[in-house]
C-alpha atoms as a PDB file:
ATOM      1  CA  MET A   1     100.711 214.188  57.728  1.00  0.00           C
ATOM      2  CA  LYS A   2     100.539 213.157  61.405  1.00  0.00           C
ATOM      3  CA  ARG A   3      98.594 216.320  62.201  1.00  0.00           C
ATOM      4  CA  ASP A   4      96.240 215.528  59.295  1.00  0.00           C
ATOM      5  CA  ILE A   5      95.558 212.015  60.615  1.00  0.00           C
ATOM      6  CA  LYS A   6      95.152 213.247  64.226  1.00  0.00           C
ATOM      7  CA  SER A   7      92.550 215.812  63.207  1.00  0.00           C
ATOM      8  CA  LEU A   8      90.738 213.129  61.228  1.00  0.00           C
ATOM      9  CA  LYS A   9      90.511 210.927  64.312  1.00  0.00           C
ATOM     10  CA  VAL A  10      88.962 213.710  66.413  1.00  0.00           C
ATOM     11  CA  LEU A  11      86.474 214.703  63.743  1.00  0.00           C
ATOM     12  CA  ALA A  12      85.640 211.077  62.987  1.00  0.00           C
ATOM     13  CA  ALA A  13      84.761 210.445  66.627  1.00  0.00           C
ATOM     14  CA  LEU A  14      82.368 213.378  66.501  1.00  0.00           C
ATOM     15  CA  ALA A  15      80.951 212.152  63.194  1.00  0.00           C
ATOM     16  CA  LEU A  16      80.243 208.714  64.649  1.00  0.00           C
ATOM     17  CA  PHE A  17      78.597 210.258  67.714  1.00  0.00           C
ATOM     18  CA  PHE A  18      76.191 212.348  65.666  1.00  0.00           C
ATOM     19  CA  ALA A  19      75.614 209.466  63.235  1.00  0.00           C
ATOM     20  CA  ALA A  20      74.604 207.256  66.163  1.00  0.00           C
ATOM     21  CA  LEU A  21      72.114 209.885  67.336  1.00  0.00           C
ATOM     22  CA  PHE A  22      70.711 210.211  63.831  1.00  0.00           C
ATOM     23  CA  LEU A  23      70.372 206.464  63.283  1.00  0.00           C
ATOM     24  CA  SER A  24      68.658 206.162  66.658  1.00  0.00           C
ATOM     25  CA  ALA A  25      66.089 208.709  65.513  1.00  0.00           C
ATOM     26  CA  CYS A  26      65.636 206.809  62.259  1.00  0.00           C
ATOM     27  CA  GLY A  27      64.958 203.613  64.154  1.00  0.00           C
ATOM     28  CA  SER A  28      62.146 205.429  65.938  1.00  0.00           C
ATOM     29  CA  GLY A  29      60.409 206.234  62.682  1.00  0.00           C
ATOM     30  CA  GLY A  30      62.526 209.195  61.501  1.00  0.00           C
ATOM     31  CA  ALA A  31      62.584 210.371  57.909  1.00  0.00           C
ATOM     32  CA  LYS A  32      65.524 208.178  57.014  1.00  0.00           C
ATOM     33  CA  ALA A  33      63.747 204.939  58.021  1.00  0.00           C
ATOM     34  CA  LEU A  34      63.585 204.172  54.316  1.00  0.00           C
ATOM     35  CA  TYR A  35      65.584 200.957  54.235  1.00  0.00           C
ATOM     36  CA  ASP A  36      65.122 197.509  55.691  1.00  0.00           C
ATOM     37  CA  TYR A  37      68.299 196.063  57.209  1.00  0.00           C
ATOM     38  CA  LYS A  38      68.585 192.414  58.203  1.00  0.00           C
ATOM     39  CA  GLU A  39      71.364 190.041  59.166  1.00  0.00           C
ATOM     40  CA  PHE A  40      71.218 186.350  58.315  1.00  0.00           C
ATOM     41  CA  PRO A  41      72.990 183.558  60.195  1.00  0.00           C
ATOM     42  CA  LEU A  42      75.574 181.807  58.050  1.00  0.00           C
ATOM     43  CA  GLU A  43      78.313 179.378  58.956  1.00  0.00           C
ATOM     44  CA  ARG A  44      80.976 177.598  56.936  1.00  0.00           C
ATOM     45  CA  ASN A  45      83.852 175.463  58.112  1.00  0.00           C
ATOM     46  CA  GLY A  46      82.773 176.043  61.705  1.00  0.00           C
ATOM     47  CA  ILE A  47      83.150 179.825  61.352  1.00  0.00           C
ATOM     48  CA  ALA A  48      80.251 182.265  61.654  1.00  0.00           C
ATOM     49  CA  LEU A  49      80.115 184.616  58.662  1.00  0.00           C
ATOM     50  CA  HIS A  50      78.498 188.028  58.583  1.00  0.00           C
ATOM     51  CA  LEU A  51      75.838 188.280  55.855  1.00  0.00           C
ATOM     52  CA  ASP A  52      73.457 191.205  55.732  1.00  0.00           C
ATOM     53  CA  CYS A  53      70.914 192.674  53.340  1.00  0.00           C
ATOM     54  CA  VAL A  54      69.680 196.216  52.719  1.00  0.00           C
ATOM     55  CA  GLN A  55      66.682 197.085  50.577  1.00  0.00           C
ATOM     56  CA  LEU A  56      63.972 199.670  50.375  1.00  0.00           C
ATOM     57  CA  ALA A  57      61.350 199.278  53.072  1.00  0.00           C
ATOM     58  CA  LYS A  58      58.648 197.052  51.622  1.00  0.00           C
ATOM     59  CA  LYS A  59      55.153 198.319  50.948  1.00  0.00           C
ATOM     60  CA  SER A  60      52.009 196.292  50.417  1.00  0.00           C
ATOM     61  CA  SER A  61      52.586 196.353  46.660  1.00  0.00           C
ATOM     62  CA  ALA A  62      56.196 195.246  46.921  1.00  0.00           C
ATOM     63  CA  LYS A  63      57.510 192.579  44.617  1.00  0.00           C
ATOM     64  CA  SER A  64      57.719 189.000  45.830  1.00  0.00           C
ATOM     65  CA  ASP A  65      61.126 187.597  46.708  1.00  0.00           C
ATOM     66  CA  LYS A  66      61.174 185.704  43.419  1.00  0.00           C
ATOM     67  CA  ASP A  67      60.828 188.986  41.482  1.00  0.00           C
ATOM     68  CA  GLN A  68      63.290 190.981  43.588  1.00  0.00           C
ATOM     69  CA  LYS A  69      66.659 191.827  42.029  1.00  0.00           C
ATOM     70  CA  ASN A  70      69.547 190.721  44.265  1.00  0.00           C
ATOM     71  CA  ILE A  71      73.224 191.621  44.259  1.00  0.00           C
ATOM     72  CA  LEU A  72      76.057 190.436  46.505  1.00  0.00           C
ATOM     73  CA  LEU A  73      78.946 192.840  47.196  1.00  0.00           C
ATOM     74  CA  VAL A  74      82.319 191.311  48.083  1.00  0.00           C
ATOM     75  CA  HIS A  75      85.084 193.350  49.748  1.00  0.00           C
ATOM     76  CA  GLY A  76      88.814 193.460  49.148  1.00  0.00           C
ATOM     77  CA  VAL A  77      91.738 192.624  51.375  1.00  0.00           C
ATOM     78  CA  THR A  78      92.270 194.219  54.838  1.00  0.00           C
ATOM     79  CA  TYR A  79      88.942 196.041  55.229  1.00  0.00           C
ATOM     80  CA  SER A  80      85.444 194.601  55.037  1.00  0.00           C
ATOM     81  CA  SER A  81      82.044 195.229  53.479  1.00  0.00           C
ATOM     82  CA  HIS A  82      81.144 198.354  55.498  1.00  0.00           C
ATOM     83  CA  GLU A  83      83.076 200.385  52.904  1.00  0.00           C
ATOM     84  CA  PHE A  84      80.244 199.874  50.415  1.00  0.00           C
ATOM     85  CA  ASP A  85      77.891 201.833  52.690  1.00  0.00           C
ATOM     86  CA  ILE A  86      79.548 205.129  53.609  1.00  0.00           C
ATOM     87  CA  ASP A  87      76.693 207.056  55.205  1.00  0.00           C
ATOM     88  CA  TYR A  88      77.561 210.496  53.875  1.00  0.00           C
ATOM     89  CA  LYS A  89      75.516 212.450  51.330  1.00  0.00           C
ATOM     90  CA  ASP A  90      74.665 210.077  48.454  1.00  0.00           C
ATOM     91  CA  TYR A  91      78.002 208.237  48.340  1.00  0.00           C
ATOM     92  CA  SER A  92      76.690 204.908  49.647  1.00  0.00           C
ATOM     93  CA  LEU A  93      76.787 202.296  46.890  1.00  0.00           C
ATOM     94  CA  VAL A  94      74.535 200.053  48.984  1.00  0.00           C
ATOM     95  CA  LYS A  95      71.791 202.658  49.222  1.00  0.00           C
ATOM     96  CA  LYS A  96      72.135 203.675  45.574  1.00  0.00           C
ATOM     97  CA  LEU A  97      71.556 200.067  44.520  1.00  0.00           C
ATOM     98  CA  ALA A  98      68.674 199.714  46.991  1.00  0.00           C
ATOM     99  CA  ARG A  99      66.981 202.841  45.638  1.00  0.00           C
ATOM    100  CA  SER A 100      67.402 201.382  42.149  1.00  0.00           C
ATOM    101  CA  GLY A 101      65.484 198.247  43.096  1.00  0.00           C
ATOM    102  CA  TRP A 102      68.072 195.788  44.352  1.00  0.00           C
ATOM    103  CA  ALA A 103      68.221 193.862  47.572  1.00  0.00           C
ATOM    104  CA  VAL A 104      71.868 194.477  48.434  1.00  0.00           C
ATOM    105  CA  TRP A 105      73.708 191.691  50.219  1.00  0.00           C
ATOM    106  CA  ARG A 106      77.126 192.030  51.853  1.00  0.00           C
ATOM    107  CA  LEU A 107      79.435 189.282  53.037  1.00  0.00           C
ATOM    108  CA  ASP A 108      82.452 189.528  55.320  1.00  0.00           C
ATOM    109  CA  ILE A 109      84.937 186.777  54.511  1.00  0.00           C
ATOM    110  CA  ALA A 110      86.048 184.623  57.482  1.00  0.00           C
ATOM    111  CA  GLY A 111      88.229 186.643  59.853  1.00  0.00           C
ATOM    112  CA  PHE A 112      87.212 190.001  58.379  1.00  0.00           C
ATOM    113  CA  GLY A 113      84.917 192.672  59.781  1.00  0.00           C
ATOM    114  CA  ARG A 114      81.923 191.245  61.607  1.00  0.00           C
ATOM    115  CA  SER A 115      82.646 187.611  60.739  1.00  0.00           C
ATOM    116  CA  GLN A 116      84.179 185.344  63.352  1.00  0.00           C
ATOM    117  CA  GLU A 117      87.907 185.703  63.941  1.00  0.00           C
ATOM    118  CA  VAL A 118      90.280 183.046  62.643  1.00  0.00           C
ATOM    119  CA  SER A 119      93.372 181.736  64.396  1.00  0.00           C
ATOM    120  CA  ASP A 120      95.400 181.465  61.189  1.00  0.00           C
ATOM    121  CA  GLY A 121      95.345 184.645  59.109  1.00  0.00           C
ATOM    122  CA  PHE A 122      96.742 182.812  56.092  1.00  0.00           C
ATOM    123  CA  MET A 123      93.778 180.412  56.003  1.00  0.00           C
ATOM    124  CA  PRO A 124      91.271 182.774  54.309  1.00  0.00           C
ATOM    125  CA  ASP A 125      93.152 182.997  51.016  1.00  0.00           C
ATOM    126  CA  SER A 126      91.534 183.512  47.607  1.00  0.00           C
ATOM    127  CA  ASP A 127      90.356 179.935  47.168  1.00  0.00           C
ATOM    128  CA  TYR A 128      89.005 179.795  50.719  1.00  0.00           C
ATOM    129  CA  ALA A 129      87.170 183.095  50.241  1.00  0.00           C
ATOM    130  CA  ALA A 130      85.588 181.797  47.023  1.00  0.00           C
ATOM    131  CA  LEU A 131      84.013 179.021  49.091  1.00  0.00           C
ATOM    132  CA  ASP A 132      82.701 181.578  51.595  1.00  0.00           C
ATOM    133  CA  ILE A 133      81.122 183.426  48.661  1.00  0.00           C
ATOM    134  CA  ASN A 134      79.568 180.185  47.459  1.00  0.00           C
ATOM    135  CA  ALA A 135      78.055 179.617  50.908  1.00  0.00           C
ATOM    136  CA  ALA A 136      76.615 183.141  50.895  1.00  0.00           C
ATOM    137  CA  VAL A 137      75.140 182.779  47.414  1.00  0.00           C
ATOM    138  CA  GLN A 138      73.616 179.420  48.322  1.00  0.00           C
ATOM    139  CA  LYS A 139      72.019 181.081  51.364  1.00  0.00           C
ATOM    140  CA  ILE A 140      70.668 183.958  49.266  1.00  0.00           C
ATOM    141  CA  VAL A 141      69.271 181.548  46.690  1.00  0.00           C
ATOM    142  CA  GLU A 142      67.622 179.543  49.460  1.00  0.00           C
ATOM    143  CA  LEU A 143      66.088 182.644  51.059  1.00  0.00           C
ATOM    144  CA  THR A 144      64.878 184.302  47.855  1.00  0.00           C
ATOM    145  CA  GLY A 145      63.873 181.309  45.761  1.00  0.00           C
ATOM    146  CA  GLN A 146      65.931 182.690  42.873  1.00  0.00           C
ATOM    147  CA  ASP A 147      68.351 180.649  40.817  1.00  0.00           C
ATOM    148  CA  LYS A 148      70.747 183.481  39.961  1.00  0.00           C
ATOM    149  CA  ILE A 149      71.902 186.781  41.442  1.00  0.00           C
ATOM    150  CA  ASP A 150      74.289 189.579  40.448  1.00  0.00           C
ATOM    151  CA  VAL A 151      77.719 189.641  42.097  1.00  0.00           C
ATOM    152  CA  LEU A 152      80.184 192.531  42.464  1.00  0.00           C
ATOM    153  CA  GLY A 153      83.742 192.145  43.688  1.00  0.00           C
ATOM    154  CA  TRP A 154      86.142 194.985  44.455  1.00  0.00           C
ATOM    155  CA  SER A 155      89.944 194.749  44.426  1.00  0.00           C
ATOM    156  CA  TRP A 156      90.940 191.376  45.953  1.00  0.00           C
ATOM    157  CA  GLY A 157      87.213 190.684  45.809  1.00  0.00           C
ATOM    158  CA  THR A 158      87.576 190.428  42.018  1.00  0.00           C
ATOM    159  CA  VAL A 159      90.000 187.539  42.489  1.00  0.00           C
ATOM    160  CA  THR A 160      87.654 185.722  44.869  1.00  0.00           C
ATOM    161  CA  THR A 161      84.422 186.382  42.962  1.00  0.00           C
ATOM    162  CA  SER A 162      85.957 185.382  39.638  1.00  0.00           C
ATOM    163  CA  ARG A 163      87.038 182.049  41.131  1.00  0.00           C
ATOM    164  CA  PHE A 164      83.522 181.557  42.455  1.00  0.00           C
ATOM    165  CA  ALA A 165      82.088 182.508  39.048  1.00  0.00           C
ATOM    166  CA  ALA A 166      84.347 180.063  37.229  1.00  0.00           C
ATOM    167  CA  ALA A 167      83.036 177.220  39.397  1.00  0.00           C
ATOM    168  CA  HIS A 168      79.375 178.296  39.669  1.00  0.00           C
ATOM    169  CA  SER A 169      78.317 180.230  36.591  1.00  0.00           C
ATOM    170  CA  GLU A 170      74.831 178.784  37.035  1.00  0.00           C
ATOM    171  CA  ARG A 171      74.353 180.951  40.149  1.00  0.00           C
ATOM    172  CA  ILE A 172      75.297 184.277  38.534  1.00  0.00           C
ATOM    173  CA  ASN A 173      73.223 186.611  36.425  1.00  0.00           C
ATOM    174  CA  LYS A 174      75.827 189.343  35.886  1.00  0.00           C
ATOM    175  CA  LEU A 175      79.309 189.760  37.338  1.00  0.00           C
ATOM    176  CA  VAL A 176      81.045 193.064  38.112  1.00  0.00           C
ATOM    177  CA  LEU A 177      84.815 193.217  38.517  1.00  0.00           C
ATOM    178  CA  TYR A 178      85.571 196.613  40.045  1.00  0.00           C
ATOM    179  CA  ALA A 179      89.281 197.498  40.122  1.00  0.00           C
ATOM    180  CA  PRO A 180      90.225 193.967  39.023  1.00  0.00           C
ATOM    181  CA  ILE A 181      93.481 192.511  40.292  1.00  0.00           C
ATOM    182  CA  LEU A 182      94.155 190.598  37.090  1.00  0.00           C
ATOM    183  CA  SER A 183      97.793 189.986  37.996  1.00  0.00           C
ATOM    184  CA  GLY A 184     100.169 190.383  40.913  1.00  0.00           C
ATOM    185  CA  ILE A 185     100.582 193.875  42.361  1.00  0.00           C
ATOM    186  CA  GLY A 186     104.298 193.417  43.016  1.00  0.00           C
ATOM    187  CA  ASP A 187     106.494 190.839  44.675  1.00  0.00           C
ATOM    188  CA  ALA A 188     106.472 191.543  48.399  1.00  0.00           C
ATOM    189  CA  LYS A 189     106.997 189.030  51.167  1.00  0.00           C
ATOM    190  CA  THR A 190     103.976 188.586  53.432  1.00  0.00           C
ATOM    191  CA  ALA A 191     105.558 186.986  56.474  1.00  0.00           C
ATOM    192  CA  GLU A 192     102.926 187.690  59.114  1.00  0.00           C
ATOM    193  CA  PRO A 193      99.525 185.930  59.095  1.00  0.00           C
ATOM    194  CA  PHE A 194      97.743 189.138  60.102  1.00  0.00           C
ATOM    195  CA  HIS A 195      97.987 192.681  58.841  1.00  0.00           C
ATOM    196  CA  HIS A 196      98.409 195.412  61.477  1.00  0.00           C
ATOM    197  CA  ASN A 197      95.693 197.939  60.654  1.00  0.00           C
ATOM    198  CA  THR A 198      96.239 201.657  61.231  1.00  0.00           C
ATOM    199  CA  TRP A 199      94.368 204.879  60.509  1.00  0.00           C
ATOM    200  CA  GLU A 200      97.134 205.853  58.112  1.00  0.00           C
ATOM    201  CA  HIS A 201      96.750 202.616  56.166  1.00  0.00           C
ATOM    202  CA  ALA A 202      92.957 202.889  56.057  1.00  0.00           C
ATOM    203  CA  ALA A 203      93.347 206.265  54.326  1.00  0.00           C
ATOM    204  CA  ASP A 204      96.140 205.099  52.034  1.00  0.00           C
ATOM    205  CA  ASP A 205      94.137 205.022  48.802  1.00  0.00           C
ATOM    206  CA  PHE A 206      92.795 208.563  48.987  1.00  0.00           C
ATOM    207  CA  ALA A 207      94.297 211.180  46.685  1.00  0.00           C
ATOM    208  CA  ARG A 208      97.067 213.423  47.973  1.00  0.00           C
ATOM    209  CA  THR A 209      98.424 216.795  46.966  1.00  0.00           C
ATOM    210  CA  LYS A 210     102.078 217.235  46.038  1.00  0.00           C
ATOM    211  CA  ASP A 211     102.960 218.036  49.647  1.00  0.00           C
ATOM    212  CA  GLY A 212     101.391 214.777  50.881  1.00  0.00           C
ATOM    213  CA  ALA A 213      98.196 216.210  52.346  1.00  0.00           C
ATOM    214  CA  PHE A 214      94.792 214.788  51.452  1.00  0.00           C
ATOM    215  CA  ASP A 215      93.323 216.289  48.297  1.00  0.00           C
ATOM    216  CA  TYR A 216      89.847 217.204  49.509  1.00  0.00           C
ATOM    217  CA  SER A 217      88.786 218.192  45.989  1.00  0.00           C
ATOM    218  CA  ILE A 218      88.930 214.482  45.128  1.00  0.00           C
ATOM    219  CA  ALA A 219      87.788 212.849  48.384  1.00  0.00           C
ATOM    220  CA  GLU A 220      85.800 214.969  50.816  1.00  0.00           C
ATOM    221  CA  ARG A 221      87.243 215.447  54.287  1.00  0.00           C
ATOM    222  CA  GLU A 222      84.098 214.222  56.039  1.00  0.00           C
ATOM    223  CA  LEU A 223      83.984 211.101  53.885  1.00  0.00           C
ATOM    224  CA  ILE A 224      87.583 210.197  54.743  1.00  0.00           C
ATOM    225  CA  GLU A 225      86.788 210.697  58.434  1.00  0.00           C
ATOM    226  CA  ILE A 226      83.788 208.375  58.295  1.00  0.00           C
ATOM    227  CA  TRP A 227      85.678 205.840  56.171  1.00  0.00           C
ATOM    228  CA  CYS A 228      88.612 205.591  58.590  1.00  0.00           C
ATOM    229  CA  SER A 229      86.453 205.491  61.716  1.00  0.00           C
ATOM    230  CA  SER A 230      84.371 202.705  60.162  1.00  0.00           C
ATOM    231  CA  CYS A 231      87.533 200.721  59.404  1.00  0.00           C
ATOM    232  CA  TRP A 232      88.580 201.078  63.041  1.00  0.00           C
ATOM    233  CA  ARG A 233      85.107 200.186  64.306  1.00  0.00           C
ATOM    234  CA  TYR A 234      84.492 197.112  62.156  1.00  0.00           C
ATOM    235  CA  ASP A 235      87.968 195.825  61.283  1.00  0.00           C
ATOM    236  CA  GLY A 236      89.929 196.730  64.382  1.00  0.00           C
ATOM    237  CA  GLU A 237      93.652 196.283  64.748  1.00  0.00           C
ATOM    238  CA  LYS A 238      94.211 193.292  62.482  1.00  0.00           C
ATOM    239  CA  SER A 239      92.949 191.530  59.369  1.00  0.00           C
ATOM    240  CA  PRO A 240      93.864 188.171  57.764  1.00  0.00           C
ATOM    241  CA  ASN A 241      96.759 188.228  55.312  1.00  0.00           C
ATOM    242  CA  GLY A 242      95.936 185.204  53.152  1.00  0.00           C
ATOM    243  CA  GLY A 243      94.570 187.373  50.348  1.00  0.00           C
ATOM    244  CA  ARG A 244      97.479 189.799  50.582  1.00  0.00           C
ATOM    245  CA  ARG A 245      99.945 186.940  50.240  1.00  0.00           C
ATOM    246  CA  ASP A 246      98.078 185.802  47.094  1.00  0.00           C
ATOM    247  CA  ILE A 247      98.200 189.167  45.341  1.00  0.00           C
ATOM    248  CA  CYS A 248     101.630 190.420  46.461  1.00  0.00           C
ATOM    249  CA  VAL A 249     103.359 188.469  43.713  1.00  0.00           C
ATOM    250  CA  PRO A 250     105.136 189.538  40.500  1.00  0.00           C
ATOM    251  CA  GLN A 251     102.977 191.361  37.966  1.00  0.00           C
ATOM    252  CA  ALA A 252     103.771 188.658  35.431  1.00  0.00           C
ATOM    253  CA  LYS A 253     101.648 186.206  37.437  1.00  0.00           C
ATOM    254  CA  GLU A 254      98.020 186.375  36.315  1.00  0.00           C
ATOM    255  CA  LEU A 255      95.480 185.881  39.100  1.00  0.00           C
ATOM    256  CA  ILE A 256      92.163 185.858  37.215  1.00  0.00           C
ATOM    257  CA  ASP A 257      91.464 183.549  34.284  1.00  0.00           C
ATOM    258  CA  LEU A 258      88.834 185.578  32.438  1.00  0.00           C
ATOM    259  CA  ALA A 259      88.340 182.795  29.894  1.00  0.00           C
ATOM    260  CA  LYS A 260      86.729 180.676  32.622  1.00  0.00           C
ATOM    261  CA  ILE A 261      84.007 183.264  33.269  1.00  0.00           C
ATOM    262  CA  LYS A 262      80.790 182.399  31.410  1.00  0.00           C
ATOM    263  CA  ASN A 263      78.561 185.255  32.594  1.00  0.00           C
ATOM    264  CA  PRO A 264      78.231 188.783  31.183  1.00  0.00           C
ATOM    265  CA  THR A 265      80.857 190.781  33.062  1.00  0.00           C
ATOM    266  CA  LEU A 266      81.512 194.462  33.639  1.00  0.00           C
ATOM    267  CA  VAL A 267      85.138 195.435  34.184  1.00  0.00           C
ATOM    268  CA  ILE A 268      85.140 198.918  35.722  1.00  0.00           C
ATOM    269  CA  CYS A 269      87.940 200.987  37.212  1.00  0.00           C
ATOM    270  CA  GLY A 270      89.636 204.361  37.310  1.00  0.00           C
ATOM    271  CA  ASP A 271      92.593 205.102  35.053  1.00  0.00           C
ATOM    272  CA  LYS A 272      94.866 206.082  37.965  1.00  0.00           C
ATOM    273  CA  ASP A 273      94.722 202.928  40.045  1.00  0.00           C
ATOM    274  CA  PRO A 274      98.243 201.939  41.174  1.00  0.00           C
ATOM    275  CA  TYR A 275      97.284 198.299  41.721  1.00  0.00           C
ATOM    276  CA  LEU A 276      96.037 197.508  38.218  1.00  0.00           C
ATOM    277  CA  ASN A 277      97.761 195.967  35.219  1.00  0.00           C
ATOM    278  CA  TYR A 278      96.219 198.181  32.537  1.00  0.00           C
ATOM    279  CA  LYS A 279      97.706 196.124  29.729  1.00  0.00           C
ATOM    280  CA  LEU A 280      95.518 193.219  30.846  1.00  0.00           C
ATOM    281  CA  VAL A 281      92.559 195.453  31.741  1.00  0.00           C
ATOM    282  CA  LYS A 282      92.398 196.988  28.272  1.00  0.00           C
ATOM    283  CA  LYS A 283      92.285 193.615  26.533  1.00  0.00           C
ATOM    284  CA  SER A 284      89.952 191.954  29.050  1.00  0.00           C
ATOM    285  CA  LEU A 285      86.921 191.934  26.721  1.00  0.00           C
ATOM    286  CA  LYS A 286      88.756 189.583  24.366  1.00  0.00           C
ATOM    287  CA  ASN A 287      88.442 186.834  26.976  1.00  0.00           C
ATOM    288  CA  LEU A 288      84.975 187.609  28.330  1.00  0.00           C
ATOM    289  CA  PRO A 289      81.613 186.365  27.006  1.00  0.00           C
ATOM    290  CA  LYS A 290      79.090 188.261  24.903  1.00  0.00           C
ATOM    291  CA  GLY A 291      77.307 191.032  26.779  1.00  0.00           C
ATOM    292  CA  SER A 292      80.421 192.044  28.737  1.00  0.00           C
ATOM    293  CA  ASP A 293      81.655 195.618  28.970  1.00  0.00           C
ATOM    294  CA  LEU A 294      84.765 197.598  29.910  1.00  0.00           C
ATOM    295  CA  GLN A 295      84.495 201.020  31.567  1.00  0.00           C
ATOM    296  CA  ILE A 296      87.550 203.072  32.552  1.00  0.00           C
ATOM    297  CA  ILE A 297      86.816 206.333  34.382  1.00  0.00           C
ATOM    298  CA  LYS A 298      89.346 209.053  33.610  1.00  0.00           C
ATOM    299  CA  GLY A 299      90.934 210.454  36.760  1.00  0.00           C
ATOM    300  CA  GLY A 300      89.588 207.779  39.097  1.00  0.00           C
ATOM    301  CA  SER A 301      91.715 205.780  41.525  1.00  0.00           C
ATOM    302  CA  HIS A 302      91.229 202.535  43.444  1.00  0.00           C
ATOM    303  CA  VAL A 303      88.426 204.200  45.419  1.00  0.00           C
ATOM    304  CA  VAL A 304      86.744 205.884  42.448  1.00  0.00           C
ATOM    305  CA  PHE A 305      83.316 204.903  43.799  1.00  0.00           C
ATOM    306  CA  VAL A 306      83.702 207.443  46.636  1.00  0.00           C
ATOM    307  CA  GLU A 307      85.668 210.182  44.870  1.00  0.00           C
ATOM    308  CA  ALA A 308      83.746 213.446  44.546  1.00  0.00           C
ATOM    309  CA  PRO A 309      84.354 214.104  40.834  1.00  0.00           C
ATOM    310  CA  TYR A 310      83.689 210.513  39.767  1.00  0.00           C
ATOM    311  CA  TYR A 311      81.396 208.548  42.072  1.00  0.00           C
ATOM    312  CA  ARG A 312      78.152 209.460  40.311  1.00  0.00           C
ATOM    313  CA  ASP A 313      79.690 208.543  36.968  1.00  0.00           C
ATOM    314  CA  PHE A 314      80.740 205.218  38.510  1.00  0.00           C
ATOM    315  CA  GLN A 315      77.197 204.611  39.752  1.00  0.00           C
ATOM    316  CA  LYS A 316      75.708 205.556  36.379  1.00  0.00           C
ATOM    317  CA  ARG A 317      77.952 203.178  34.425  1.00  0.00           C
ATOM    318  CA  LEU A 318      77.342 200.377  36.910  1.00  0.00           C
ATOM    319  CA  MET A 319      73.551 200.798  36.753  1.00  0.00           C
ATOM    320  CA  LYS A 320      73.555 200.926  32.977  1.00  0.00           C
ATOM    321  CA  PHE A 321      75.267 197.541  32.833  1.00  0.00           C
ATOM    322  CA  LEU A 322      73.140 195.895  35.504  1.00  0.00           C
ATOM    323  CA  GLU A 323      69.864 197.165  34.060  1.00  0.00           C
ATOM    324  CA  LYS A 324      70.440 196.370  30.390  1.00  0.00           C
END
């Protein structure tokens, strides 16, 4: 396993080097200069938050901001929003959504990724993060002139987005709960305010063979390399633990009150996700409003959206819900 991780680090460094050269060429008018990327200043509670947007490069016939479809992607615990945009083949969820007509917004919760660091890692808990999401949505609404947008949360991001949705249903068109943490993932004491990030931990959710090696038939080697190097680049050595403390509780404790969600909601996940309470997942539609849907992808794990056999199926099911 150590040899596996070491080789990933070397190859990832090379991957980042060549990616930097390629992106530099794109910025000079290369073939991949297909997307517009912008960052928008945002601050809440005295902390600068990272908010960016990716969409297809606009042409003269482009839709006005009021006609543009918008979606906000919200990350989970430990690692930030860069994971939605893995720049390898056609795995990037950000670029898939952009090609399908969305302006794709990403927020890093306070203390995560490219947002400003926090002194207390327990401060950005689920309720705090929901307020960061509210600030981001208010900014998007202000910039676009739209009243409602789509919102997708992944993992811990389903806890935070559902709390935002319960308080501000008027700002949401459709909600997506990907790999929803409907209840505690297991009682584990979170004593330290910050999580110590490692390459090994960043790769933790990828499928393994029986001997413990990465299963490259499920997640491609190059993708894992880029994923881990991006985690190191954007998230560094530590991440806030407020969200982890919220979800590392007994499974009997429910964390998302689906009955409070008033917007059409897609619950989507793999059927081999070790963090999910499938008893609650399978009955989730009973508590969600009309127009909601449940999609479980056979064979998929917590990172089903970047797994070779499943990611296109994930994208297809997601698009079908958003576009209907």
